[in-house]
Amino acid sequence: MMCCHSRWVLFLGALYLSTSLLGTLQAQDEDWQIELTLGKDGWRTYQNPRFGAVIPVPPGLVALEPPTNGDGQAFATPDGKVRLAVYGCFNVEGTADLDVRWKDDLVASGRTITYQRKTDSWYVISGVMEDGTGFYEKYTANAKYGSGWRMTYPQKEEKKYSAWIERIAKGYQPRLGQGFDTLE
C-alpha cells in the first residue's frame, strides 16, 4: 500500500518533470470542473471535498487535472514555473505519521533546507532544490488524518512569491477529518 506522502511525492515529481520538459502547461485550455470560491481581490479559495482541506489560490494559477481518487488538487501558472498542491490522506498504520514524514523530508536529496519548524501537530520545511527552484511545504497530521500543501517557484523571484506563501500559510486550514470521506 502506497502512503499518501509517497503518492504526492510521485505526483509532484511527475508534474515538475512534465512542466520542465514540456516548458508550458496546457491547463488553461482544460476544464477540470474544480470548484473555487472567488474573493474580492482575485484570490480564490479551494476546498477539497474528500478530506476537507481549505487553501487560498493566488490569481493566475490554473487548476491541473485532479487525481482520480480526489485526495487533493494542484494548480500552476500557465508557464509551469509556479505550482501549488494541496492534499489529504488517511493516517492508516502510521503511513501519514507526522514524525516519520518530518524525518523523511529532512533527509530528502536534491535540496537545501533553509527553514524548518516542527510542533506536535504540524511542520514546515522550505528551501531550494538543486535546480534553483524554491519550495515551501506545510504538513499537518493527527492520529487519523494527514493534510499538507506545497508551493514551488523560481528561487530568484523569492521576494515576489514570499507574500503569496505568507497569505497561503495564514489561510490554509487542514480541517482533518472534515471532508466527506472519514474513518468514522
Protein backbone atom coordinates (compact mmCIF):
# COMPACT_ATOMS: atom_id res chain seq x y z
CA MET A 1 0.00 0.00 0.00
CA MET A 2 1.49 3.31 -1.05
CA CYS A 3 1.14 6.04 1.59
CA CYS A 4 -0.23 9.47 0.74
CA HIS A 5 3.21 11.05 1.10
CA SER A 6 4.69 8.71 -1.50
CA ARG A 7 1.78 9.25 -3.90
CA TRP A 8 2.08 13.02 -3.63
CA VAL A 9 5.86 12.95 -3.98
CA LEU A 10 5.40 10.94 -7.18
CA PHE A 11 2.62 13.26 -8.38
CA LEU A 12 4.62 16.42 -7.68
CA GLY A 13 7.72 14.88 -9.24
CA ALA A 14 5.83 13.94 -12.39
CA LEU A 15 4.27 17.41 -12.50
CA TYR A 16 7.68 19.02 -12.12
CA LEU A 17 9.27 16.83 -14.81
CA SER A 18 6.41 17.24 -17.25
CA THR A 19 6.42 21.01 -16.99
CA SER A 20 10.20 21.18 -17.06
CA LEU A 21 10.42 19.04 -20.18
CA LEU A 22 7.42 20.48 -21.99
CA GLY A 23 8.02 24.07 -20.95
CA THR A 24 4.40 25.08 -20.51
CA LEU A 25 1.18 23.69 -19.14
CA GLN A 26 -1.99 23.49 -21.13
CA ALA A 27 -4.19 23.65 -18.04
CA GLN A 28 -5.72 26.95 -19.06
CA ASP A 29 -7.28 25.14 -22.05
CA GLU A 30 -8.80 22.38 -19.91
CA ASP A 31 -11.97 22.47 -17.85
CA TRP A 32 -11.46 20.24 -14.84
CA GLN A 33 -14.63 21.43 -13.06
CA ILE A 34 -12.74 22.38 -9.91
CA GLU A 35 -14.97 24.36 -7.56
CA LEU A 36 -13.30 27.57 -6.39
CA THR A 37 -14.75 30.49 -4.44
CA LEU A 38 -13.71 33.87 -5.86
CA GLY A 39 -12.51 36.54 -3.45
CA LYS A 40 -12.66 40.33 -3.90
CA ASP A 41 -9.03 40.70 -4.92
CA GLY A 42 -8.73 37.88 -7.47
CA TRP A 43 -7.62 35.24 -4.99
CA ARG A 44 -9.78 32.14 -4.91
CA THR A 45 -10.38 29.51 -2.25
CA TYR A 46 -10.28 25.77 -2.87
CA GLN A 47 -11.79 23.22 -0.50
CA ASN A 48 -11.02 19.55 -1.01
CA PRO A 49 -14.36 17.75 -0.79
CA ARG A 50 -12.88 14.39 0.19
CA PHE A 51 -10.67 15.44 3.11
CA GLY A 52 -11.83 19.00 3.85
CA ALA A 53 -8.59 20.99 3.49
CA VAL A 54 -9.09 24.65 2.52
CA ILE A 55 -6.42 26.73 0.80
CA PRO A 56 -6.21 30.18 -0.81
CA VAL A 57 -5.24 30.07 -4.50
CA PRO A 58 -3.37 33.08 -5.94
CA PRO A 59 -4.55 34.84 -9.10
CA GLY A 60 -3.01 33.46 -12.28
CA LEU A 61 -2.82 29.85 -11.13
CA VAL A 62 -4.93 27.39 -13.09
CA ALA A 63 -6.24 24.04 -11.92
CA LEU A 64 -4.41 20.97 -13.18
CA GLU A 65 -6.03 17.60 -13.76
CA PRO A 66 -7.16 16.32 -10.37
CA PRO A 67 -6.07 12.89 -9.12
CA THR A 68 -8.68 10.22 -9.77
CA ASN A 69 -9.07 9.42 -6.06
CA GLY A 70 -9.89 13.06 -5.20
CA ASP A 71 -7.31 13.35 -2.42
CA GLY A 72 -6.01 16.75 -3.49
CA GLN A 73 -5.59 19.35 -6.17
CA ALA A 74 -2.70 21.06 -7.92
CA PHE A 75 -2.57 24.49 -9.55
CA ALA A 76 0.13 26.12 -11.68
CA THR A 77 0.93 29.23 -13.65
CA PRO A 78 0.43 28.74 -17.40
CA ASP A 79 4.21 28.53 -17.88
CA GLY A 80 4.51 25.92 -15.10
CA LYS A 81 7.11 27.87 -13.13
CA VAL A 82 4.93 28.20 -10.03
CA ARG A 83 3.00 25.25 -8.63
CA LEU A 84 0.72 24.86 -5.63
CA ALA A 85 -0.58 21.49 -4.46
CA VAL A 86 -2.84 20.61 -1.53
CA TYR A 87 -3.70 17.09 -0.40
CA GLY A 88 -5.23 14.99 2.33
CA CYS A 89 -4.92 11.36 3.34
CA PHE A 90 -5.75 8.78 5.95
CA ASN A 91 -3.15 8.00 8.59
CA VAL A 92 -3.58 4.24 8.26
CA GLU A 93 -0.96 2.17 10.07
CA GLY A 94 1.12 5.30 10.60
CA THR A 95 1.66 5.94 6.87
CA ALA A 96 0.94 9.66 7.35
CA ASP A 97 2.63 9.96 10.75
CA LEU A 98 4.00 13.45 11.40
CA ASP A 99 7.32 12.34 12.91
CA VAL A 100 8.03 9.81 10.16
CA ARG A 101 7.30 12.32 7.40
CA TRP A 102 9.33 15.02 9.18
CA LYS A 103 12.40 12.77 9.31
CA ASP A 104 11.95 11.70 5.66
CA ASP A 105 11.56 15.29 4.47
CA LEU A 106 14.64 16.47 6.37
CA VAL A 107 16.88 13.96 4.57
CA ALA A 108 15.30 14.15 1.10
CA SER A 109 18.03 14.54 -1.51
CA GLY A 110 18.38 17.22 -4.14
CA ARG A 111 17.59 20.20 -1.98
CA THR A 112 18.91 22.52 0.69
CA ILE A 113 16.62 23.30 3.61
CA THR A 114 16.85 26.93 4.72
CA TYR A 115 13.98 26.93 7.23
CA GLN A 116 12.39 24.23 9.34
CA ARG A 117 9.93 24.27 12.22
CA LYS A 118 8.02 21.44 13.88
CA THR A 119 5.28 21.35 16.50
CA ASP A 120 3.26 18.45 17.90
CA SER A 121 0.71 18.68 15.07
CA TRP A 122 2.45 20.25 12.04
CA TYR A 123 5.76 21.13 10.44
CA VAL A 124 7.10 23.50 7.81
CA ILE A 125 10.15 23.00 5.61
CA SER A 126 11.37 25.43 2.98
CA GLY A 127 14.46 25.88 0.90
CA VAL A 128 15.93 25.50 -2.57
CA MET A 129 16.17 22.49 -4.86
CA GLU A 130 19.35 21.78 -6.82
CA ASP A 131 17.90 23.35 -9.98
CA GLY A 132 17.20 26.66 -8.24
CA THR A 133 13.51 26.06 -7.58
CA GLY A 134 12.35 27.38 -4.23
CA PHE A 135 9.88 25.35 -2.18
CA TYR A 136 7.70 25.73 0.89
CA GLU A 137 5.84 22.80 2.42
CA LYS A 138 3.50 22.53 5.39
CA TYR A 139 2.17 19.23 6.69
CA THR A 140 -0.38 18.65 9.46
CA ALA A 141 -1.46 15.33 10.97
CA ASN A 142 -3.33 13.69 13.79
CA ALA A 143 -3.89 10.02 14.64
CA LYS A 144 -6.40 9.53 11.78
CA TYR A 145 -5.61 12.03 9.01
CA GLY A 146 -2.85 13.97 7.29
CA SER A 147 -3.03 17.08 5.13
CA GLY A 148 -0.49 19.34 3.52
CA TRP A 149 0.39 21.82 0.85
CA ARG A 150 3.48 22.63 -1.14
CA MET A 151 4.41 25.57 -3.34
CA THR A 152 7.35 25.68 -5.74
CA TYR A 153 8.57 28.80 -7.52
CA PRO A 154 11.67 30.30 -9.16
CA GLN A 155 14.00 30.99 -6.22
CA LYS A 156 15.39 34.09 -7.93
CA GLU A 157 11.88 35.58 -7.58
CA GLU A 158 11.52 34.68 -3.90
CA LYS A 159 10.58 38.22 -2.84
CA LYS A 160 7.62 38.19 -5.22
CA TYR A 161 6.34 34.83 -4.00
CA SER A 162 7.02 35.23 -0.29
CA ALA A 163 3.84 37.33 0.01
CA TRP A 164 1.89 34.53 -1.68
CA ILE A 165 3.37 31.94 0.67
CA GLU A 166 2.55 34.07 3.70
CA ARG A 167 -1.05 34.53 2.62
CA ILE A 168 -1.49 30.84 1.77
CA ALA A 169 0.06 29.81 5.11
CA LYS A 170 -2.31 32.11 7.02
CA GLY A 171 -5.38 30.96 5.09
CA TYR A 172 -4.66 27.23 4.93
CA GLN A 173 -7.00 25.10 7.05
CA PRO A 174 -6.15 21.38 7.23
CA ARG A 175 -9.63 20.55 8.63
CA LEU A 176 -8.53 16.98 9.35
CA GLY A 177 -11.45 14.58 9.07
CA GLN A 178 -13.94 17.23 7.91
CA GLY A 179 -14.40 16.05 4.32
CA PHE A 180 -16.95 13.54 3.07
CA ASP A 181 -14.51 10.61 3.37
CA THR A 182 -13.90 9.88 7.04
CA LEU A 183 -12.73 6.98 9.17
CA GLU A 184 -15.80 7.27 11.41
